Every structure is written in C-alpha cells, then in structure tokens.
N, C-alpha and C. Protein backbone atom coordinates (compact mmCIF):
# COMPACT_ATOMS: atom_id res chain seq x y z
N MET A 1 2.49 59.38 -32.17
CA MET A 1 0.97 59.59 -31.16
C MET A 1 1.06 60.82 -29.95
N LYS A 2 0.31 61.44 -30.00
CA LYS A 2 0.29 62.55 -28.87
C LYS A 2 0.11 61.48 -27.33
N LYS A 3 0.66 62.20 -26.40
CA LYS A 3 0.34 60.94 -25.81
C LYS A 3 -0.60 62.07 -24.11
N ILE A 4 -0.97 62.12 -23.54
CA ILE A 4 -1.80 63.46 -22.78
C ILE A 4 -1.34 62.13 -21.40
N LYS A 5 -1.12 63.73 -20.95
CA LYS A 5 -1.06 63.99 -19.24
C LYS A 5 -2.27 63.45 -18.68
N PRO A 6 -1.63 62.73 -17.41
CA PRO A 6 -2.79 62.99 -16.20
C PRO A 6 -3.38 64.28 -15.62
N GLY A 7 -4.49 64.63 -15.68
CA GLY A 7 -5.32 66.31 -14.98
C GLY A 7 -5.19 66.83 -16.42
N ASN A 8 -4.74 66.83 -17.80
CA ASN A 8 -4.93 67.28 -18.47
C ASN A 8 -6.61 67.66 -18.96
N THR A 9 -6.93 68.66 -19.30
CA THR A 9 -8.79 68.47 -19.70
C THR A 9 -8.98 67.89 -21.31
N SER A 10 -8.01 67.61 -21.94
CA SER A 10 -8.21 67.48 -22.72
C SER A 10 -8.29 65.47 -22.57
N ALA A 11 -8.55 64.70 -21.80
CA ALA A 11 -7.93 63.70 -21.28
C ALA A 11 -9.18 63.24 -20.96
N LYS A 12 -9.83 64.34 -19.51
CA LYS A 12 -11.73 64.22 -19.90
C LYS A 12 -12.95 64.50 -20.35
N LYS A 13 -13.42 63.15 -20.21
CA LYS A 13 -15.48 63.53 -20.89
C LYS A 13 -15.70 64.88 -20.51
N SER A 14 -16.33 64.65 -21.18
CA SER A 14 -17.65 65.90 -20.61
C SER A 14 -19.26 65.23 -20.01
N ALA A 15 -18.99 66.24 -19.16
CA ALA A 15 -20.11 65.60 -18.63
C ALA A 15 -21.39 65.22 -18.84
N PRO A 16 -22.20 63.73 -18.55
CA PRO A 16 -23.29 63.24 -19.28
C PRO A 16 -24.10 64.34 -19.83
N ALA A 17 -25.12 64.73 -20.20
CA ALA A 17 -26.35 65.13 -20.49
C ALA A 17 -26.72 65.06 -19.01
N GLN A 18 -27.93 65.85 -18.71
CA GLN A 18 -29.01 65.90 -18.05
C GLN A 18 -30.01 65.55 -18.26
N THR A 19 -30.65 65.98 -19.22
CA THR A 19 -31.53 65.92 -19.92
C THR A 19 -31.64 65.29 -21.19
N VAL A 20 -33.07 65.06 -22.06
CA VAL A 20 -32.94 64.03 -23.42
C VAL A 20 -32.39 65.26 -24.38
N ASP A 21 -32.84 66.58 -24.66
CA ASP A 21 -33.06 67.70 -25.02
C ASP A 21 -31.20 67.75 -25.37
N ASN A 22 -30.91 68.03 -23.75
CA ASN A 22 -29.26 67.76 -23.62
C ASN A 22 -28.59 66.67 -24.67
N TYR A 23 -28.95 65.72 -24.16
CA TYR A 23 -28.77 64.57 -25.16
C TYR A 23 -28.57 65.01 -26.55
N LEU A 24 -29.61 65.07 -26.94
CA LEU A 24 -29.98 64.51 -28.30
C LEU A 24 -29.48 65.95 -29.58
N ALA A 25 -28.71 67.23 -28.49
CA ALA A 25 -28.15 67.80 -28.16
C ALA A 25 -26.88 67.86 -29.16
N ALA A 26 -26.00 67.55 -28.16
CA ALA A 26 -25.70 66.43 -28.18
C ALA A 26 -24.72 65.65 -29.13
N LEU A 27 -25.55 65.29 -29.92
CA LEU A 27 -25.28 63.94 -31.31
C LEU A 27 -25.42 64.92 -32.40
N PRO A 28 -24.43 64.42 -33.21
CA PRO A 28 -24.41 64.32 -34.91
C PRO A 28 -25.23 65.14 -35.48
N GLU A 29 -25.70 65.41 -36.47
CA GLU A 29 -27.08 66.35 -37.46
C GLU A 29 -27.98 64.68 -37.44
N GLU A 30 -27.09 64.07 -37.83
CA GLU A 30 -28.43 62.72 -38.82
C GLU A 30 -28.54 61.30 -37.86
N ALA A 31 -27.93 61.62 -36.20
CA ALA A 31 -28.37 60.39 -35.94
C ALA A 31 -29.48 61.73 -34.39
N ARG A 32 -29.58 62.64 -34.47
CA ARG A 32 -30.28 63.83 -33.60
C ARG A 32 -30.80 63.77 -34.15
N ALA A 33 -31.25 63.40 -35.50
CA ALA A 33 -32.82 64.03 -36.40
C ALA A 33 -33.58 61.97 -36.61
N THR A 34 -33.04 61.39 -36.34
CA THR A 34 -33.82 60.61 -35.94
C THR A 34 -33.85 60.02 -34.95
N LEU A 35 -32.99 60.55 -33.66
CA LEU A 35 -33.78 59.91 -31.84
C LEU A 35 -35.08 60.73 -32.25
N GLU A 36 -35.14 62.11 -32.99
CA GLU A 36 -35.80 62.65 -32.41
C GLU A 36 -36.92 61.84 -32.73
N LYS A 37 -37.63 61.91 -34.53
CA LYS A 37 -38.53 61.34 -35.08
C LYS A 37 -38.74 59.73 -34.63
N LEU A 38 -37.88 58.84 -33.28
CA LEU A 38 -38.02 58.19 -33.07
C LEU A 38 -39.32 58.28 -31.03
N ARG A 39 -38.54 59.45 -30.39
CA ARG A 39 -38.51 60.73 -29.73
C ARG A 39 -40.59 61.19 -30.20
N LYS A 40 -41.09 60.76 -31.08
CA LYS A 40 -42.24 61.57 -31.31
C LYS A 40 -43.11 60.60 -31.60
N VAL A 41 -42.89 59.64 -31.83
CA VAL A 41 -43.22 58.14 -31.78
C VAL A 41 -43.73 57.58 -30.87
N VAL A 42 -43.13 56.95 -29.48
CA VAL A 42 -42.64 57.18 -28.22
C VAL A 42 -43.33 58.20 -27.58
N LYS A 43 -43.18 59.19 -27.97
CA LYS A 43 -44.55 60.13 -26.98
C LYS A 43 -45.98 60.44 -27.47
N ALA A 44 -46.19 59.92 -29.45
CA ALA A 44 -47.70 59.73 -29.72
C ALA A 44 -48.36 58.51 -28.52
N ALA A 45 -47.17 57.20 -28.87
CA ALA A 45 -48.06 55.65 -28.32
C ALA A 45 -47.95 56.03 -26.71
N ALA A 46 -46.96 56.77 -25.78
CA ALA A 46 -46.88 55.81 -24.63
C ALA A 46 -46.83 57.50 -24.03
N PRO A 47 -48.21 58.49 -23.92
CA PRO A 47 -48.23 59.71 -24.14
C PRO A 47 -47.98 60.37 -22.33
N LYS A 48 -48.23 59.56 -21.51
CA LYS A 48 -48.23 59.67 -19.35
C LYS A 48 -46.69 58.99 -19.59
N ALA A 49 -45.94 58.30 -20.64
CA ALA A 49 -44.79 58.18 -20.11
C ALA A 49 -43.45 59.41 -19.83
N THR A 50 -42.91 59.12 -18.73
CA THR A 50 -42.12 60.27 -18.88
C THR A 50 -40.37 59.69 -19.22
N GLU A 51 -39.61 61.16 -19.79
CA GLU A 51 -39.39 61.25 -20.71
C GLU A 51 -37.16 60.90 -18.87
N VAL A 52 -36.35 60.29 -19.25
CA VAL A 52 -35.61 60.08 -18.65
C VAL A 52 -34.28 60.10 -19.02
N ILE A 53 -32.54 60.38 -17.61
CA ILE A 53 -31.60 60.01 -18.83
C ILE A 53 -30.85 58.97 -17.38
N SER A 54 -30.97 57.81 -17.46
CA SER A 54 -30.60 56.40 -17.53
C SER A 54 -29.51 55.56 -17.18
N TYR A 55 -28.29 55.80 -17.13
CA TYR A 55 -27.29 54.87 -17.52
C TYR A 55 -26.51 55.91 -18.43
N GLN A 56 -26.67 56.87 -18.70
CA GLN A 56 -26.23 58.13 -19.18
C GLN A 56 -27.27 58.13 -20.28
N ILE A 57 -28.16 57.53 -21.03
CA ILE A 57 -29.09 58.29 -22.11
C ILE A 57 -30.57 58.16 -22.18
N PRO A 58 -30.98 58.48 -23.11
CA PRO A 58 -32.13 58.48 -22.84
C PRO A 58 -33.47 57.18 -22.82
N MET A 59 -34.57 57.33 -21.82
CA MET A 59 -35.36 56.17 -21.24
C MET A 59 -36.50 56.76 -21.60
N TYR A 60 -37.23 55.99 -21.78
CA TYR A 60 -38.78 56.67 -20.96
C TYR A 60 -39.54 55.13 -19.43
N LYS A 61 -40.24 56.15 -18.64
CA LYS A 61 -40.29 55.02 -17.31
C LYS A 61 -41.75 55.15 -17.31
N HIS A 62 -42.22 54.32 -17.84
CA HIS A 62 -43.52 54.26 -17.43
C HIS A 62 -44.45 52.56 -17.64
N HIS A 63 -44.30 52.11 -16.16
CA HIS A 63 -45.19 50.55 -16.22
C HIS A 63 -43.43 50.37 -16.66
N GLY A 64 -42.27 50.30 -15.74
CA GLY A 64 -40.89 49.53 -16.27
C GLY A 64 -40.23 51.00 -16.75
N MET A 65 -39.42 50.79 -17.51
CA MET A 65 -37.97 51.16 -17.69
C MET A 65 -38.00 50.46 -19.72
N PHE A 66 -38.01 51.10 -20.64
CA PHE A 66 -37.74 50.87 -21.58
C PHE A 66 -36.29 51.65 -22.38
N ILE A 67 -35.30 51.14 -23.66
CA ILE A 67 -34.16 52.61 -23.64
C ILE A 67 -34.85 53.19 -25.30
N LEU A 68 -35.25 54.61 -24.54
CA LEU A 68 -35.02 54.99 -26.47
C LEU A 68 -34.44 54.98 -27.65
N ALA A 69 -33.17 55.68 -26.20
CA ALA A 69 -31.66 55.03 -27.66
C ALA A 69 -30.58 55.66 -27.37
N THR A 70 -29.66 55.21 -28.28
CA THR A 70 -27.59 55.34 -27.43
C THR A 70 -27.63 56.09 -28.85
N ASN A 71 -26.26 56.58 -28.99
CA ASN A 71 -25.64 57.12 -30.97
C ASN A 71 -24.57 55.74 -30.27
N GLU A 72 -24.71 54.99 -29.33
CA GLU A 72 -23.29 54.80 -28.82
C GLU A 72 -23.33 52.86 -28.95
N VAL A 73 -22.30 52.17 -29.89
CA VAL A 73 -22.63 51.06 -29.73
C VAL A 73 -22.07 50.38 -28.99
N HIS A 74 -22.67 49.63 -28.02
CA HIS A 74 -21.78 47.88 -27.01
C HIS A 74 -22.09 46.91 -27.59
N THR A 75 -20.59 46.58 -27.52
CA THR A 75 -19.99 45.67 -27.91
C THR A 75 -20.04 44.06 -26.55
C-alpha cells in the first residue's frame, strides 16, 4: 500500500462546491441525472425556495431548510 506523506497534494480533499451546479457537476453521471430530476421537482413544488450549499450539500431554504440530496452515505 502506498503511503501518502503529509503535505502531498494528493492527500488533500478538493474544495467543497460553492453552488448546487458545481456540486452536481462533480457527481458521477447516474447520480447527477437523478439529482437533477429531483431538483426540478423541488423547484416546481417550491418555486420561491432559495438553493444553497449548507454542510457541503445542496439544500433549499423556504420556511426552514430541507436537504435536497447527497451522494454520500452517512452512518
């Protein structure tokens, strides 16, 4: 197994997405397609909601917050 030394750029994570478009662009095609469909449904159901990145995942603000989606599994 290859060890990664501190300071090696390959050991660092990429910068978190600043917009939902950037978040979706970084996803694998299958996940992106699914989340873009969900995004359309949310926008149709809550057109006044504001899209944001919070806790490094896409969310919508409208009378509170709810999670749009993430491609990561949290246990």
